[in-house]
Amino acid sequence: MKKRKDGTGGGRWSLEFDPVGVGGRFRGIPLGAWGSNPCYSETDTLHQGQELKDWDELVSSNRVFCLKFFGFGTAVSPYLGIFYRNNPIRSLYLDDLKKLLGYNRFRYGYFSETASNDGFSNTAVWVANRNNPIPDVYGRLIIDVNGKLSILSGEDTVVDLFSPSQVVARNASVALLDTGNLVLQELHPNGSVKHVLWQSFDYPTDTLLPGMKLGINLKTGHKWSLTAWQNNQMPAVGLCTLDLNGTGQMTILRKGNIDWISGPWKNGQFINTHLQSSGPDVRLYYVSNETEQSFTYLTRTYDSYPALTIHQDGHLIGSILNLNIYCFSSMYYSTGCAEDVSIQHPNNDHDYDGG
């Protein structure tokens, strides 16, 4: 028996792709024009035989997001991440939950000439190699002849983002979409998309972008969850996690202990939240059926850098989404915080990174 609940009502909100890669239908993005060597023209696509190096970027077609190597004030850029691109042309309309879950079109709306100044604009919203930093200045992203997507340093592999189960030659490319999804796709000989091999939306780090999911695929067991950074300059997995925890309720865990629960989904939101007051440009969706149990959201505009991030101390903060949760405060703590949670704020980094 299928059951689907959504937090608002009708409307037209869509994405051009199947965000969890189950539909097998993907309308290809126009490919960038790169030669056999890296160049500095703006492109959204990396092809086999090319390398994305420390000084290169992939930029989504309407300049909403960029993929680049980054660091923290040193000559080395040990991480590869996705950022909002600080550019005023960022406004998109999204069309319909059925298309979000069922793959079809992505529809561009008006382009705003105004931009807000938000902290999310300068922060990585996804990190490819959070637990495997590049040790030197020779980091690069490549796709091999079999479609394996890897970050290398010199001749050594730092991490394989995707490694095919069958080692056969594939025509593949990786593209950064205007939704912030980095998609590795196998191509037909004519360049059209055959199917999606891998996508970053299946592997969130600490931030939930519109179209990303929290929850679980009940058929494969794959979970979509957020895990905080260890500290402000170390993206490695920290101690705090946000997921649906197999219960249908969002749960913040710290060192495996429950800090906060959202309560069940009722009347278009989780009962311990104020998600429905997120505003008219936001649509909330909770899905529960034999295939998956998940929460996601869509937004009409990217002008305010929409994102939901779990911080190293377990604080949950949303841009666009009205979901600000804090269980460590001498003045206030959120509805749903566990009764046995200390309301004293952790006072050193050791509480965050396990040191």
Protein backbone atom coordinates (compact mmCIF):
# COMPACT_ATOMS: atom_id res chain seq x y z
CA MET A 1 0.00 0.00 0.00
CA LYS A 2 1.45 3.36 -0.99
CA LYS A 3 1.21 6.38 1.22
CA ARG A 4 2.47 9.84 0.40
CA LYS A 5 2.02 12.98 2.43
CA ASP A 6 3.06 16.43 1.39
CA GLY A 7 3.28 19.51 3.50
CA THR A 8 1.45 21.99 1.34
CA GLY A 9 -0.68 21.28 -1.63
CA GLY A 10 -0.52 21.66 -5.33
CA GLY A 11 1.71 23.86 -7.39
CA ARG A 12 4.30 23.26 -10.03
CA TRP A 13 7.73 22.42 -8.73
CA SER A 14 10.11 20.19 -10.64
CA LEU A 15 13.65 18.98 -11.08
CA GLU A 16 15.16 17.75 -14.31
CA PHE A 17 16.56 14.56 -12.82
CA ASP A 18 15.71 11.73 -10.51
CA PRO A 19 17.47 12.97 -7.35
CA VAL A 20 18.15 9.50 -6.00
CA GLY A 21 19.03 7.84 -9.28
CA VAL A 22 16.22 5.29 -9.44
CA GLY A 23 14.33 6.51 -12.48
CA GLY A 24 16.94 6.05 -15.14
CA ARG A 25 15.79 9.16 -17.01
CA PHE A 26 17.96 12.24 -17.14
CA ARG A 27 17.72 15.05 -19.63
CA GLY A 28 21.34 15.93 -20.34
CA ILE A 29 22.85 19.31 -19.61
CA PRO A 30 24.62 21.00 -22.55
CA LEU A 31 28.22 19.93 -22.34
CA GLY A 32 31.06 22.36 -21.84
CA ALA A 33 33.72 22.69 -24.50
CA TRP A 34 37.01 21.47 -23.08
CA GLY A 35 39.97 20.17 -25.02
CA SER A 36 42.21 17.33 -23.95
CA ASN A 37 43.92 19.55 -21.37
CA PRO A 38 42.39 21.64 -18.60
CA CYS A 39 41.49 25.19 -19.54
CA TYR A 40 40.09 28.13 -17.73
CA SER A 41 36.82 28.73 -19.56
CA GLU A 42 33.67 28.26 -17.51
CA THR A 43 32.04 24.84 -17.92
CA ASP A 44 29.67 22.59 -15.99
CA THR A 45 31.01 19.26 -17.27
CA LEU A 46 34.17 17.18 -16.92
CA HIS A 47 34.81 14.53 -19.58
CA GLN A 48 37.08 11.51 -19.69
CA GLY A 49 40.61 12.53 -20.59
CA GLN A 50 40.26 15.81 -18.67
CA GLU A 51 41.34 16.73 -15.17
CA LEU A 52 39.83 19.17 -12.72
CA LYS A 53 42.86 20.60 -10.90
CA ASP A 54 43.45 22.83 -7.91
CA TRP A 55 42.91 26.05 -9.86
CA ASP A 56 39.92 24.82 -11.92
CA GLU A 57 36.19 24.98 -11.25
CA LEU A 58 33.05 23.39 -12.59
CA VAL A 59 30.28 25.99 -12.67
CA SER A 60 26.63 25.01 -13.11
CA SER A 61 25.03 26.26 -16.30
CA ASN A 62 23.22 29.18 -14.69
CA ARG A 63 26.08 29.88 -12.26
CA VAL A 64 24.18 28.81 -9.14
CA PHE A 65 26.85 26.42 -7.82
CA CYS A 66 30.53 25.71 -8.36
CA LEU A 67 32.75 22.70 -7.63
CA LYS A 68 36.31 23.53 -6.59
CA PHE A 69 39.23 22.54 -4.40
CA PHE A 70 39.48 24.50 -1.18
CA GLY A 71 41.43 24.79 2.04
CA PHE A 72 41.75 26.94 5.13
CA GLY A 73 44.39 29.61 4.70
CA THR A 74 47.27 27.43 3.50
CA ALA A 75 48.91 26.82 0.12
CA VAL A 76 47.34 23.35 0.03
CA SER A 77 43.67 22.88 -0.92
CA PRO A 78 43.03 19.44 0.56
CA TYR A 79 39.29 19.21 -0.09
CA LEU A 80 36.96 19.18 -3.10
CA GLY A 81 33.62 20.78 -2.42
CA ILE A 82 30.48 22.36 -3.83
CA PHE A 83 29.71 25.99 -3.01
CA TYR A 84 27.01 28.46 -3.84
CA ARG A 85 28.55 30.70 -6.45
CA ASN A 86 28.44 34.30 -5.31
CA ASN A 87 26.59 35.60 -8.33
CA PRO A 88 23.26 37.43 -8.60
CA ILE A 89 21.90 35.12 -11.32
CA ARG A 90 20.58 32.45 -9.02
CA SER A 91 16.81 32.39 -9.24
CA LEU A 92 15.10 29.21 -10.38
CA TYR A 93 11.55 27.90 -10.39
CA LEU A 94 11.03 24.25 -9.62
CA ASP A 95 7.93 22.42 -10.75
CA ASP A 96 6.13 19.39 -9.02
CA LEU A 97 6.90 16.69 -6.52
CA LYS A 98 5.91 14.00 -9.01
CA LYS A 99 8.66 15.21 -11.28
CA LEU A 100 11.08 15.47 -8.38
CA LEU A 101 10.42 11.86 -7.46
CA GLY A 102 9.76 10.75 -10.99
CA TYR A 103 12.52 12.37 -12.87
CA ASN A 104 11.36 14.74 -15.65
CA ARG A 105 12.08 18.35 -16.44
CA PHE A 106 13.90 21.13 -14.78
CA ARG A 107 12.37 24.48 -15.52
CA TYR A 108 14.17 27.78 -15.30
CA GLY A 109 12.24 30.78 -14.08
CA TYR A 110 13.15 34.41 -13.83
CA PHE A 111 16.69 35.49 -13.03
CA SER A 112 16.88 37.84 -10.09
CA GLU A 113 19.27 40.77 -10.09
CA THR A 114 19.52 40.87 -6.31
CA ALA A 115 21.53 38.67 -4.01
CA SER A 116 21.42 38.24 -0.27
CA ASN A 117 24.54 38.05 1.83
CA ASP A 118 24.24 34.82 3.75
CA GLY A 119 26.82 32.64 5.49
CA PHE A 120 25.90 29.70 3.27
CA SER A 121 27.29 31.57 0.27
CA ASN A 122 30.88 31.14 1.48
CA THR A 123 30.61 27.67 2.99
CA ALA A 124 30.98 24.29 1.31
CA VAL A 125 27.56 22.66 1.11
CA TRP A 126 29.08 19.30 0.10
CA VAL A 127 32.57 17.85 0.49
CA ALA A 128 33.70 14.97 -1.72
CA ASN A 129 36.61 13.76 0.40
CA ARG A 130 35.77 14.93 3.90
CA ASN A 131 37.65 12.04 5.58
CA ASN A 132 40.45 11.84 3.00
CA PRO A 133 42.23 15.19 2.62
CA ILE A 134 44.68 15.64 -0.25
CA PRO A 135 48.22 15.76 1.21
CA ASP A 136 49.80 18.08 -1.37
CA VAL A 137 49.14 20.58 -4.17
CA TYR A 138 48.65 17.90 -6.84
CA GLY A 139 45.00 17.08 -6.22
CA ARG A 140 42.78 16.47 -9.23
CA LEU A 141 39.45 14.91 -10.17
CA ILE A 142 39.36 12.44 -13.07
CA ILE A 143 37.11 9.88 -14.77
CA ASP A 144 38.91 6.81 -16.08
CA VAL A 145 38.00 4.74 -19.16
CA ASN A 146 35.76 2.49 -17.05
CA GLY A 147 33.78 5.38 -15.59
CA LYS A 148 35.52 5.37 -12.22
CA LEU A 149 35.38 8.81 -10.61
CA SER A 150 38.40 9.49 -8.40
CA ILE A 151 40.32 12.19 -6.59
CA LEU A 152 44.06 11.70 -7.10
CA SER A 153 47.21 13.15 -5.63
CA GLY A 154 50.27 12.59 -7.80
CA GLU A 155 49.83 9.00 -8.92
CA ASP A 156 48.05 7.96 -5.73
CA THR A 157 44.30 7.65 -5.24
CA VAL A 158 42.94 9.78 -2.42
CA VAL A 159 39.39 8.44 -2.70
CA ASP A 160 37.18 6.76 -5.32
CA LEU A 161 33.81 8.51 -5.38
CA PHE A 162 32.44 5.86 -7.72
CA SER A 163 33.99 2.54 -8.70
CA PRO A 164 31.97 0.39 -11.14
CA SER A 165 31.25 -3.20 -10.19
CA GLN A 166 32.02 -4.32 -13.76
CA VAL A 167 35.30 -3.19 -15.28
CA VAL A 168 34.32 -2.41 -18.85
CA ALA A 169 34.97 0.62 -21.03
CA ARG A 170 32.31 3.31 -20.59
CA ASN A 171 31.73 6.69 -22.14
CA ALA A 172 31.09 8.88 -19.10
CA SER A 173 31.08 12.49 -17.95
CA VAL A 174 30.34 14.30 -14.69
CA ALA A 175 28.20 17.45 -14.61
CA LEU A 176 27.35 19.98 -11.91
CA LEU A 177 23.66 20.88 -12.06
CA ASP A 178 21.99 24.12 -11.02
CA THR A 179 20.51 22.21 -8.06
CA GLY A 180 23.98 21.55 -6.63
CA ASN A 181 23.90 17.88 -7.60
CA LEU A 182 27.14 16.51 -9.06
CA VAL A 183 26.08 13.74 -11.45
CA LEU A 184 28.25 11.06 -13.06
CA GLN A 185 26.45 9.78 -16.13
CA GLU A 186 27.14 7.09 -18.71
CA LEU A 187 26.62 8.32 -22.26
CA HIS A 188 25.47 6.73 -25.50
CA PRO A 189 27.85 7.04 -28.48
CA ASN A 190 25.83 10.05 -29.69
CA GLY A 191 26.39 11.86 -26.39
CA SER A 192 22.90 11.43 -24.96
CA VAL A 193 22.60 10.17 -21.40
CA LYS A 194 22.26 6.41 -20.97
CA HIS A 195 21.87 6.42 -17.20
CA VAL A 196 23.15 7.93 -13.96
CA LEU A 197 26.06 6.04 -12.38
CA TRP A 198 26.47 8.12 -9.23
CA GLN A 199 25.36 11.45 -7.78
CA SER A 200 26.36 13.58 -4.83
CA PHE A 201 22.74 13.98 -3.68
CA ASP A 202 22.89 10.34 -2.57
CA TYR A 203 25.78 11.18 -0.23
CA PRO A 204 25.02 14.38 1.71
CA THR A 205 27.66 15.65 4.12
CA ASP A 206 26.46 18.22 6.68
CA THR A 207 24.02 20.19 4.50
CA LEU A 208 20.63 19.41 2.96
CA LEU A 209 19.99 21.30 -0.27
CA PRO A 210 16.57 21.54 -1.94
CA GLY A 211 15.87 18.18 -3.60
CA MET A 212 18.22 16.23 -1.31
CA LYS A 213 16.60 13.68 0.97
CA LEU A 214 16.80 12.61 4.59
CA GLY A 215 15.67 9.04 5.12
CA ILE A 216 16.17 5.54 3.84
CA ASN A 217 15.65 3.56 0.64
CA LEU A 218 13.81 0.55 2.03
CA LYS A 219 14.72 -1.67 -0.92
CA THR A 220 18.48 -1.07 -0.94
CA GLY A 221 19.02 -0.02 2.67
CA HIS A 222 20.83 3.14 1.53
CA LYS A 223 20.45 5.97 4.05
CA TRP A 224 20.44 9.71 3.45
CA SER A 225 21.65 11.55 6.54
CA LEU A 226 23.65 14.60 7.59
CA THR A 227 26.77 14.45 9.76
CA ALA A 228 28.42 17.56 11.14
CA TRP A 229 32.02 18.61 10.53
CA GLN A 230 34.50 17.96 13.33
CA ASN A 231 35.23 21.69 13.57
CA ASN A 232 35.15 24.81 11.41
CA GLN A 233 38.33 23.87 9.56
CA MET A 234 37.98 20.09 9.49
CA PRO A 235 35.16 18.66 7.35
CA ALA A 236 35.79 15.10 8.59
CA VAL A 237 32.86 13.26 10.14
CA GLY A 238 32.01 14.75 13.53
CA LEU A 239 29.89 13.55 16.41
CA CYS A 240 26.44 14.88 15.50
CA THR A 241 24.10 13.31 12.94
CA LEU A 242 20.64 14.14 11.60
CA ASP A 243 18.50 11.46 9.99
CA LEU A 244 15.10 9.80 10.14
CA ASN A 245 16.64 7.01 12.23
CA GLY A 246 14.25 4.39 10.86
CA THR A 247 11.39 5.85 12.89
CA GLY A 248 9.88 8.37 10.50
CA GLN A 249 11.02 11.15 12.82
CA MET A 250 14.03 13.38 12.29
CA THR A 251 16.56 12.70 15.03
CA ILE A 252 19.71 14.52 16.11
CA LEU A 253 22.21 12.10 17.59
CA ARG A 254 25.38 13.14 19.41
CA LYS A 255 27.88 10.40 20.24
CA GLY A 256 25.05 7.99 19.47
CA ASN A 257 22.72 9.53 22.05
CA ILE A 258 19.50 11.30 21.15
CA ASP A 259 19.66 15.07 21.55
CA TRP A 260 16.43 15.90 19.76
CA ILE A 261 13.51 14.28 17.95
CA SER A 262 11.15 16.00 15.55
CA GLY A 263 8.06 14.08 16.53
CA PRO A 264 5.93 12.40 13.84
CA TRP A 265 4.76 14.05 10.63
CA LYS A 266 1.34 15.62 11.16
CA ASN A 267 -0.61 18.29 9.31
CA GLY A 268 2.21 19.03 6.92
CA GLN A 269 5.18 19.19 9.29
CA PHE A 270 7.00 17.35 12.06
CA ILE A 271 5.15 18.29 15.25
CA ASN A 272 8.20 19.61 17.15
CA THR A 273 9.07 22.03 14.35
CA HIS A 274 7.72 25.18 12.71
CA LEU A 275 8.47 24.04 9.18
CA GLN A 276 5.13 25.21 7.80
CA SER A 277 6.06 28.81 8.56
CA SER A 278 9.04 28.57 6.20
CA GLY A 279 7.23 30.81 3.72
CA PRO A 280 5.40 30.63 0.40
CA ASP A 281 8.52 29.85 -1.64
CA VAL A 282 9.10 26.54 0.16
CA ARG A 283 7.39 23.19 -0.34
CA LEU A 284 7.82 20.36 2.17
CA TYR A 285 7.43 16.68 1.33
CA TYR A 286 7.32 13.59 3.48
CA VAL A 287 7.18 10.26 1.63
CA SER A 288 6.41 6.91 3.22
CA ASN A 289 5.79 3.86 1.04
CA GLU A 290 7.21 0.40 0.33
CA THR A 291 10.21 1.92 -1.47
CA GLU A 292 11.39 4.69 0.79
CA GLN A 293 10.79 6.82 3.84
CA SER A 294 12.10 10.32 3.36
CA PHE A 295 11.81 14.06 3.89
CA THR A 296 12.77 16.69 1.34
CA TYR A 297 11.94 20.23 0.38
CA LEU A 298 11.91 22.43 -2.71
CA THR A 299 12.22 26.18 -3.09
CA ARG A 300 11.21 28.56 -5.85
CA THR A 301 14.31 30.69 -5.53
CA TYR A 302 17.98 30.22 -4.73
CA ASP A 303 18.51 33.90 -3.92
CA SER A 304 18.85 33.23 -0.17
CA TYR A 305 21.21 30.27 -0.55
CA PRO A 306 18.69 27.67 0.72
CA ALA A 307 20.30 25.04 2.92
CA LEU A 308 19.80 23.11 6.15
CA THR A 309 23.02 22.41 8.07
CA ILE A 310 23.87 20.48 11.20
CA HIS A 311 26.70 22.15 13.08
CA GLN A 312 29.45 20.53 15.11
CA ASP A 313 27.64 21.12 18.41
CA GLY A 314 24.38 19.60 17.13
CA HIS A 315 22.72 22.92 16.36
CA LEU A 316 20.48 22.70 13.31
CA ILE A 317 19.99 25.86 11.27
CA GLY A 318 18.08 26.50 8.07
CA SER A 319 18.27 29.17 5.42
CA ILE A 320 14.78 29.47 3.90
CA LEU A 321 13.62 26.48 6.00
CA ASN A 322 12.30 27.49 9.42
CA LEU A 323 14.09 24.70 11.26
CA ASN A 324 16.44 26.08 13.90
CA ILE A 325 17.07 23.52 16.63
CA TYR A 326 19.31 23.98 19.65
CA CYS A 327 19.54 21.71 22.68
CA PHE A 328 22.58 23.26 24.38
CA SER A 329 21.67 26.68 25.75
CA SER A 330 21.45 28.24 29.19
CA MET A 331 18.58 30.43 27.94
CA TYR A 332 16.53 28.28 25.61
CA TYR A 333 16.25 24.83 24.14
CA SER A 334 13.98 23.55 21.43
CA THR A 335 10.84 21.49 21.76
CA GLY A 336 11.85 17.87 21.27
CA CYS A 337 15.18 18.04 23.07
CA ALA A 338 15.79 14.89 25.10
CA GLU A 339 14.98 15.26 28.79
CA ASP A 340 18.40 14.05 29.86
CA VAL A 341 20.32 16.44 27.57
CA SER A 342 22.48 18.88 29.49
CA ILE A 343 21.49 22.45 28.66
CA GLN A 344 25.04 23.62 29.18
CA HIS A 345 26.85 24.44 25.97
CA PRO A 346 29.91 22.24 25.26
CA ASN A 347 32.88 24.44 26.11
CA ASN A 348 35.71 23.10 23.99
CA ASP A 349 36.43 21.48 20.67
CA HIS A 350 37.11 18.14 22.34
CA ASP A 351 33.35 17.82 22.88
CA TYR A 352 32.92 18.04 19.12
CA ASP A 353 35.75 16.06 17.60
CA GLY A 354 36.25 13.30 20.13
CA GLY A 355 39.73 14.55 21.05
